[in-house]
C-alpha cells in the first residue's frame, strides 16, 4: 500500500449495484452528494478490516459495480465505529461525467470488476494502476496525487477541478452575453469565490448556459444582469440559474434555490414588473432525484444538458413548454423523474 518514493496509499472502494447491495441508484447518489463512503454488514471480515485501515489522506477510486465514478481522498476516520454499516467522509479529487465508465481490462481484486468492496492497490501495482485507471479515466499521474496530498497536508487543499493546477490566477466571471447574439452585449462581473465562476468550472458553466440559450427561439427576448439569464415572452419571464454539478450537487442546488428567490426579490419591480415569474435551474449533469423533488417543492423546475442529451423534471419541462420549447429526449436520456 506504500509507495517507495511518495508514501501514497491507494484503495479501490465500491458501493456495488442494486443486485449486490440492495441500494437503489437514489441511495448511491445520496452517498456521493454527501461525500460519504460506506461499507455494509455481511461482508467477509477482510473487507470490513480494510475499510477500518484506511487513513485520512489516503486516495481511493469509487465505483458502482464495474462503473467508475470518481477519485477521492479520505477526509475522516470511521465516523461510527460500532455501527453495522461503517461510514467515512471524503474530498473529491476528480469526478467523472455521466457514464457508464466501464473497465474491462482485467478482474483483479483491485479492479472495478473484482469481487471486492474495499481493497488496497498494492505498492508493486501502483505503476499499473496509473497506466490502466488513473491516466485513462482521470487524466492524472501518481505525481499529481503526491502534489495534491502535499497541499492538503499544508492546509491548502487544491480545488477538485483544478488538478493539475491552472496557470495564473482564476479569471473573473464574464457574462456569456458578450459572445452570443441572442443575449446582446454584456460586461464583466467579479464575484466572491464560487466554483462556477473560476477555473475549469467557469468554462463548464458558460458552456452549459450557452447550450441552453441555443434551445431558445430568437423570437424570445433574453437578458442578463446579476442573474444568469431571464427569458421574456409576453407577460411571462423565465428566471434561469445555471450550475455545474460535481460531488457538491446538493450544495449547488441549495445555492441555486436561494439565488433564484433573491433575484426575484431584488429585480421584480425593476426588470420583471407585470410579468409572471417562473424559476428554472439548468445543470450540466443529471441532479440527484431527491434534490429535484426538493426544488419542485418550491416551484422551481430543473433541466439538464449532458453531452448531447437533454432532460428535465416534470415542472422544468412544463415551464420550457410555456416558453415554446420542448426537451425532446428519450426517457433514458431524460433520466425520468
Protein backbone atom coordinates (compact mmCIF):
# COMPACT_ATOMS: atom_id res chain seq x y z
CA UNK A 1 0.00 0.00 0.00
CA UNK A 2 3.01 2.31 0.37
CA UNK A 3 4.90 3.86 -2.49
CA UNK A 4 8.70 3.96 -2.01
CA UNK A 5 9.02 7.43 -3.49
CA UNK A 6 5.96 9.15 -2.10
CA UNK A 7 4.23 7.06 0.56
CA UNK A 8 0.94 7.03 -1.36
CA UNK A 9 -1.80 4.70 -0.14
CA UNK A 10 -4.46 3.95 -2.76
CA UNK A 11 -7.64 1.90 -2.48
CA UNK A 12 -10.49 0.58 -4.59
CA UNK A 13 -13.90 1.05 -2.98
CA UNK A 14 -17.27 0.01 -4.38
CA UNK A 15 -20.82 0.95 -3.45
CA UNK A 16 -21.93 -2.01 -5.55
CA UNK A 17 -25.14 -2.35 -7.53
CA UNK A 18 -28.73 -2.96 -6.51
CA UNK A 19 -28.14 -6.68 -7.05
CA UNK A 20 -25.16 -6.83 -4.70
CA UNK A 21 -26.12 -4.28 -2.01
CA UNK A 22 -29.85 -3.66 -2.27
CA UNK A 23 -29.14 0.09 -2.53
CA UNK A 24 -31.06 1.80 -5.30
CA UNK A 25 -29.48 4.44 -7.54
CA UNK A 26 -31.02 7.22 -5.44
CA UNK A 27 -29.19 5.92 -2.37
CA UNK A 28 -25.84 5.82 -4.16
CA UNK A 29 -26.47 9.35 -5.47
CA UNK A 30 -27.20 10.44 -1.92
CA UNK A 31 -23.87 8.97 -0.72
CA UNK A 32 -21.98 10.89 -3.41
CA UNK A 33 -23.89 14.11 -2.80
CA UNK A 34 -22.89 13.86 0.87
CA UNK A 35 -19.28 12.79 0.09
CA UNK A 36 -19.83 9.63 2.12
CA UNK A 37 -18.00 6.31 1.86
CA UNK A 38 -19.79 3.39 3.44
CA UNK A 39 -19.49 -0.36 3.75
CA UNK A 40 -22.40 -2.59 4.68
CA UNK A 41 -22.66 -5.52 7.05
CA UNK A 42 -22.49 -9.14 6.00
CA UNK A 43 -19.22 -8.90 4.07
CA UNK A 44 -16.18 -11.03 4.73
CA UNK A 45 -14.20 -9.64 7.72
CA UNK A 46 -11.19 -8.78 5.50
CA UNK A 47 -13.25 -6.22 3.55
CA UNK A 48 -14.50 -4.51 6.71
CA UNK A 49 -10.99 -4.51 8.20
CA UNK A 50 -9.64 -2.91 5.03
CA UNK A 51 -12.21 -0.12 5.42
CA UNK A 52 -11.11 0.40 9.02
CA UNK A 53 -7.45 0.53 7.95
CA UNK A 54 -8.00 3.44 5.59
CA UNK A 55 -6.35 6.61 6.91
CA UNK A 56 -7.04 10.29 6.41
CA UNK A 57 -5.13 11.42 3.34
CA UNK A 58 -5.35 8.04 1.56
CA UNK A 59 -6.61 8.09 -2.03
CA UNK A 60 -9.29 5.82 -3.43
CA UNK A 61 -11.36 5.43 -6.54
CA UNK A 62 -15.08 4.79 -6.15
CA UNK A 63 -17.11 2.55 -8.42
CA UNK A 64 -20.65 1.25 -8.65
CA UNK A 65 -20.06 -2.32 -9.68
CA UNK A 66 -17.90 -2.05 -12.79
CA UNK A 67 -18.86 1.60 -13.38
CA UNK A 68 -16.13 4.02 -12.20
CA UNK A 69 -17.46 7.20 -10.55
CA UNK A 70 -14.73 9.35 -9.02
CA UNK A 71 -11.29 9.66 -7.47
CA UNK A 72 -11.26 10.88 -3.88
CA UNK A 73 -9.18 11.38 -0.75
CA UNK A 74 -10.26 10.07 2.65
CA UNK A 75 -11.06 13.03 4.92
CA UNK A 76 -12.07 11.42 8.24
CA UNK A 77 -11.62 8.37 10.39
CA UNK A 78 -14.57 5.98 10.73
CA UNK A 79 -17.46 8.11 11.99
CA UNK A 80 -19.49 5.32 13.59
CA UNK A 81 -17.06 2.51 14.56
CA UNK A 82 -19.70 0.48 16.44
CA UNK A 83 -22.36 0.55 13.73
CA UNK A 84 -23.10 -2.30 11.35
CA UNK A 85 -22.64 -0.04 8.30
CA UNK A 86 -19.45 1.98 8.71
CA UNK A 87 -19.11 5.48 7.24
CA UNK A 88 -16.37 7.97 6.39
CA UNK A 89 -16.27 11.36 4.65
CA UNK A 90 -14.07 12.15 1.68
CA UNK A 91 -12.95 15.01 -0.55
CA UNK A 92 -13.38 14.65 -4.30
CA UNK A 93 -10.23 14.91 -6.40
CA UNK A 94 -11.94 14.34 -9.75
CA UNK A 95 -15.42 13.12 -10.62
CA UNK A 96 -16.29 11.62 -13.98
CA UNK A 97 -19.21 12.88 -16.02
CA UNK A 98 -22.28 10.73 -16.69
CA UNK A 99 -21.21 7.27 -17.78
CA UNK A 100 -21.18 4.40 -17.70
CA UNK A 101 -17.38 4.30 -17.38
CA UNK A 102 -16.86 0.56 -17.55
CA UNK A 103 -13.46 -1.11 -17.10
CA UNK A 104 -12.86 -4.40 -18.92
CA UNK A 105 -9.08 -4.95 -18.99
CA UNK A 106 -8.93 -7.34 -16.05
CA UNK A 107 -10.80 -8.50 -12.95
CA UNK A 108 -8.12 -8.29 -10.28
CA UNK A 109 -9.24 -7.68 -6.71
CA UNK A 110 -8.18 -4.02 -7.04
CA UNK A 111 -10.07 -3.53 -10.32
CA UNK A 112 -13.70 -2.33 -10.61
CA UNK A 113 -14.90 -5.73 -11.73
CA UNK A 114 -13.05 -7.56 -8.97
CA UNK A 115 -15.14 -9.38 -6.38
CA UNK A 116 -14.24 -6.88 -3.64
CA UNK A 117 -15.79 -3.91 -1.87
CA UNK A 118 -12.73 -2.31 -0.24
CA UNK A 119 -9.28 -3.39 -1.38
CA UNK A 120 -5.80 -1.81 -1.41
CA UNK A 121 -3.88 -1.18 -4.60
CA UNK A 122 -0.56 -2.93 -3.74
CA UNK A 123 2.61 -0.86 -3.92
CA UNK A 124 4.03 -3.05 -6.68
CA UNK A 125 0.94 -2.33 -8.81
CA UNK A 126 0.92 1.47 -8.42
CA UNK A 127 2.51 1.87 -11.84
CA UNK A 128 -0.02 -0.49 -13.44
CA UNK A 129 -2.87 1.35 -11.67
CA UNK A 130 -1.57 4.65 -13.07
CA UNK A 131 -1.50 3.16 -16.56
CA UNK A 132 -4.87 1.41 -16.66
CA UNK A 133 -7.10 3.56 -14.41
CA UNK A 134 -5.52 6.79 -13.13
CA UNK A 135 -4.42 8.19 -16.51
CA UNK A 136 -7.12 6.95 -18.91
CA UNK A 137 -10.09 7.67 -16.65
CA UNK A 138 -8.96 10.66 -14.57
CA UNK A 139 -6.15 12.18 -16.67
CA UNK A 140 -3.84 12.20 -13.64
CA UNK A 141 -0.50 10.71 -12.62
CA UNK A 142 0.95 9.48 -9.34
CA UNK A 143 2.95 12.73 -9.27
CA UNK A 144 -0.32 14.71 -9.37
CA UNK A 145 -1.59 12.78 -6.35
CA UNK A 146 1.61 13.43 -4.42
CA UNK A 147 1.32 17.18 -5.05
CA UNK A 148 -2.36 17.08 -4.10
CA UNK A 149 -1.54 15.32 -0.82
CA UNK A 150 1.23 17.81 -0.09
CA UNK A 151 -1.27 20.67 -0.47
CA UNK A 152 -3.78 19.06 1.89
CA UNK A 153 -1.10 18.38 4.50
CA UNK A 154 -0.19 22.09 4.47
CA UNK A 155 -3.82 23.05 4.93
CA UNK A 156 -4.30 24.31 1.38
CA UNK A 157 -6.29 21.58 -0.40
CA UNK A 158 -6.50 22.17 -4.17
CA UNK A 159 -9.88 22.56 -5.84
CA UNK A 160 -11.16 19.33 -7.36
CA UNK A 161 -11.44 20.70 -10.90
CA UNK A 162 -8.05 22.42 -10.84
CA UNK A 163 -5.71 19.44 -10.86
CA UNK A 164 -3.25 19.86 -12.50
CA UNK A 165 -3.50 23.49 -11.31
CA UNK A 166 -4.23 26.18 -13.91
CA UNK A 167 -1.63 28.70 -14.98
CA UNK A 168 -2.17 32.10 -13.37
CA UNK A 169 -4.99 33.37 -11.21
CA UNK A 170 -8.60 32.35 -11.72
CA UNK A 171 -10.39 34.55 -14.22
CA UNK A 172 -13.32 36.73 -13.17
CA UNK A 173 -16.70 35.58 -14.39
CA UNK A 174 -17.50 37.12 -17.76
CA UNK A 175 -21.16 37.13 -18.77
CA UNK A 176 -21.99 34.87 -21.66
CA UNK A 177 -23.87 37.72 -23.29
CA UNK A 178 -20.61 39.04 -24.74
CA UNK A 179 -20.44 36.13 -27.17
CA UNK A 180 -24.00 35.20 -28.09
CA UNK A 181 -26.14 37.44 -30.29
CA UNK A 182 -29.37 36.23 -28.68
CA UNK A 183 -28.31 37.75 -25.38
CA UNK A 184 -26.85 41.01 -26.67
CA UNK A 185 -23.73 42.64 -25.22
CA UNK A 186 -22.72 42.14 -21.62
CA UNK A 187 -19.98 43.25 -19.29
CA UNK A 188 -17.78 41.67 -16.67
CA UNK A 189 -18.76 40.94 -13.09
CA UNK A 190 -16.29 39.89 -10.42
CA UNK A 191 -17.97 37.96 -7.62
CA UNK A 192 -16.84 36.34 -4.37
CA UNK A 193 -15.45 32.82 -4.77
CA UNK A 194 -17.87 30.42 -6.38
CA UNK A 195 -16.76 27.12 -8.03
CA UNK A 196 -18.89 28.05 -11.05
CA UNK A 197 -17.03 31.31 -11.57
CA UNK A 198 -13.38 30.21 -11.53
CA UNK A 199 -11.11 27.80 -13.37
CA UNK A 200 -12.49 24.89 -15.33
CA UNK A 201 -15.93 25.15 -13.83
CA UNK A 202 -16.22 28.65 -15.27
CA UNK A 203 -15.83 27.13 -18.73
CA UNK A 204 -18.35 24.39 -17.95
CA UNK A 205 -20.81 26.93 -16.51
CA UNK A 206 -20.62 29.23 -19.54
CA UNK A 207 -20.89 26.28 -21.94
CA UNK A 208 -23.98 25.00 -20.13
CA UNK A 209 -25.61 28.44 -20.28
CA UNK A 210 -24.63 28.86 -23.94
CA UNK A 211 -26.11 25.49 -24.87
CA UNK A 212 -29.31 26.32 -23.01
CA UNK A 213 -29.60 29.69 -24.75
CA UNK A 214 -29.39 27.92 -28.14
CA UNK A 215 -32.52 25.97 -27.26
CA UNK A 216 -34.49 29.21 -27.14
CA UNK A 217 -36.09 30.71 -30.22
CA UNK A 218 -34.85 34.09 -31.41
CA UNK A 219 -38.39 35.40 -31.02
CA UNK A 220 -37.86 35.21 -27.26
CA UNK A 221 -36.20 38.21 -25.62
CA UNK A 222 -33.37 37.20 -23.27
CA UNK A 223 -31.45 39.42 -20.87
CA UNK A 224 -28.69 39.05 -18.28
CA UNK A 225 -27.87 41.05 -15.18
CA UNK A 226 -26.59 39.79 -11.85
CA UNK A 227 -28.69 36.70 -12.53
CA UNK A 228 -27.53 34.24 -15.18
CA UNK A 229 -30.44 34.66 -17.57
CA UNK A 230 -34.01 35.95 -17.76
CA UNK A 231 -36.14 34.92 -20.74
CA UNK A 232 -39.18 37.07 -21.58
CA UNK A 233 -42.24 36.01 -23.55
CA UNK A 234 -45.29 38.30 -23.48
CA UNK A 235 -46.41 38.52 -19.85
CA UNK A 236 -44.08 35.77 -18.60
CA UNK A 237 -40.42 35.65 -17.57
CA UNK A 238 -38.27 32.57 -17.00
CA UNK A 239 -35.55 33.30 -14.43
CA UNK A 240 -32.64 30.90 -15.01
CA UNK A 241 -29.71 29.91 -12.77
CA UNK A 242 -27.03 27.63 -14.27
CA UNK A 243 -24.99 25.27 -12.09
CA UNK A 244 -22.17 22.79 -12.66
CA UNK A 245 -22.63 19.63 -10.60
CA UNK A 246 -19.66 17.62 -9.36
CA UNK A 247 -19.55 15.99 -5.91
CA UNK A 248 -21.30 19.07 -4.48
CA UNK A 249 -24.67 18.72 -6.22
CA UNK A 250 -26.76 19.21 -3.08
CA UNK A 251 -24.83 22.36 -2.11
CA UNK A 252 -25.00 23.82 -5.62
CA UNK A 253 -28.75 23.25 -5.89
CA UNK A 254 -29.38 24.74 -2.45
CA UNK A 255 -27.44 27.81 -3.60
CA UNK A 256 -29.48 27.94 -6.80
CA UNK A 257 -32.74 27.96 -4.84
CA UNK A 258 -31.59 30.87 -2.68
CA UNK A 259 -30.20 32.79 -5.64
CA UNK A 260 -33.41 32.48 -7.67
CA UNK A 261 -35.58 33.76 -4.85
CA UNK A 262 -33.12 36.58 -4.14
CA UNK A 263 -33.01 37.66 -7.81
CA UNK A 264 -36.81 37.60 -7.96
CA UNK A 265 -37.00 39.78 -4.84
CA UNK A 266 -34.20 42.10 -5.99
CA UNK A 267 -35.34 42.67 -9.58
CA UNK A 268 -39.10 42.03 -9.57
CA UNK A 269 -40.02 45.72 -9.72
CA UNK A 270 -37.03 46.85 -11.78
CA UNK A 271 -36.99 44.19 -14.52
CA UNK A 272 -39.99 41.90 -14.14
CA UNK A 273 -42.86 44.29 -13.38
CA UNK A 274 -46.15 42.97 -14.74
CA UNK A 275 -44.68 39.55 -15.58
CA UNK A 276 -45.48 36.17 -14.08
CA UNK A 277 -42.17 34.72 -12.88
CA UNK A 278 -41.10 31.11 -13.46
CA UNK A 279 -37.88 29.75 -11.92
CA UNK A 280 -35.55 27.19 -13.53
CA UNK A 281 -32.19 25.61 -12.63
CA UNK A 282 -30.11 24.38 -15.59
CA UNK A 283 -27.28 21.93 -14.87
CA UNK A 284 -24.53 20.16 -16.80
CA UNK A 285 -25.21 16.80 -15.11
CA UNK A 286 -28.30 14.88 -14.01
CA UNK A 287 -29.09 16.04 -10.45
CA UNK A 288 -30.00 13.61 -7.64
CA UNK A 289 -33.69 12.70 -7.59
CA UNK A 290 -34.21 13.89 -4.04
CA UNK A 291 -32.81 17.33 -4.94
CA UNK A 292 -35.14 17.56 -7.96
CA UNK A 293 -38.07 16.88 -5.61
CA UNK A 294 -36.67 19.49 -3.20
CA UNK A 295 -36.62 22.13 -5.95
CA UNK A 296 -40.10 21.25 -7.17
CA UNK A 297 -41.45 21.63 -3.64
CA UNK A 298 -40.63 25.34 -4.04
CA UNK A 299 -41.96 25.51 -7.62
CA UNK A 300 -38.51 25.51 -9.21
CA UNK A 301 -38.07 23.46 -12.37
CA UNK A 302 -34.89 21.64 -13.39
CA UNK A 303 -33.35 21.00 -16.79
CA UNK A 304 -30.04 19.32 -17.59
CA UNK A 305 -27.82 19.25 -20.65
CA UNK A 306 -25.45 16.28 -20.52
CA UNK A 307 -23.23 15.93 -23.58
CA UNK A 308 -25.83 15.63 -26.38
CA UNK A 309 -28.60 14.52 -24.06
CA UNK A 310 -31.29 16.81 -22.70
CA UNK A 311 -33.60 16.18 -19.79
CA UNK A 312 -35.69 17.84 -17.17
CA UNK A 313 -38.04 17.43 -14.26
CA UNK A 314 -41.76 17.41 -14.92
CA UNK A 315 -42.03 21.01 -13.76
CA UNK A 316 -38.97 22.07 -15.76
CA UNK A 317 -40.39 20.64 -18.97
CA UNK A 318 -43.74 22.34 -18.26
CA UNK A 319 -42.02 25.71 -17.85
CA UNK A 320 -39.99 25.31 -21.04
CA UNK A 321 -43.11 24.33 -22.96
CA UNK A 322 -44.76 27.54 -21.76
CA UNK A 323 -41.88 29.41 -23.43
CA UNK A 324 -42.18 27.50 -26.68
CA UNK A 325 -39.60 24.78 -26.20
CA UNK A 326 -39.80 21.05 -25.55
CA UNK A 327 -36.91 18.90 -24.35
CA UNK A 328 -37.01 16.18 -26.97
CA UNK A 329 -35.11 13.29 -25.42
CA UNK A 330 -35.69 9.64 -24.76
CA UNK A 331 -36.92 8.50 -21.37
CA UNK A 332 -33.45 7.09 -20.61
CA UNK A 333 -31.68 10.30 -21.68
CA UNK A 334 -34.07 12.39 -19.62
CA UNK A 335 -33.34 10.36 -16.51
CA UNK A 336 -37.13 10.45 -15.98
CA UNK A 337 -38.04 11.85 -12.57
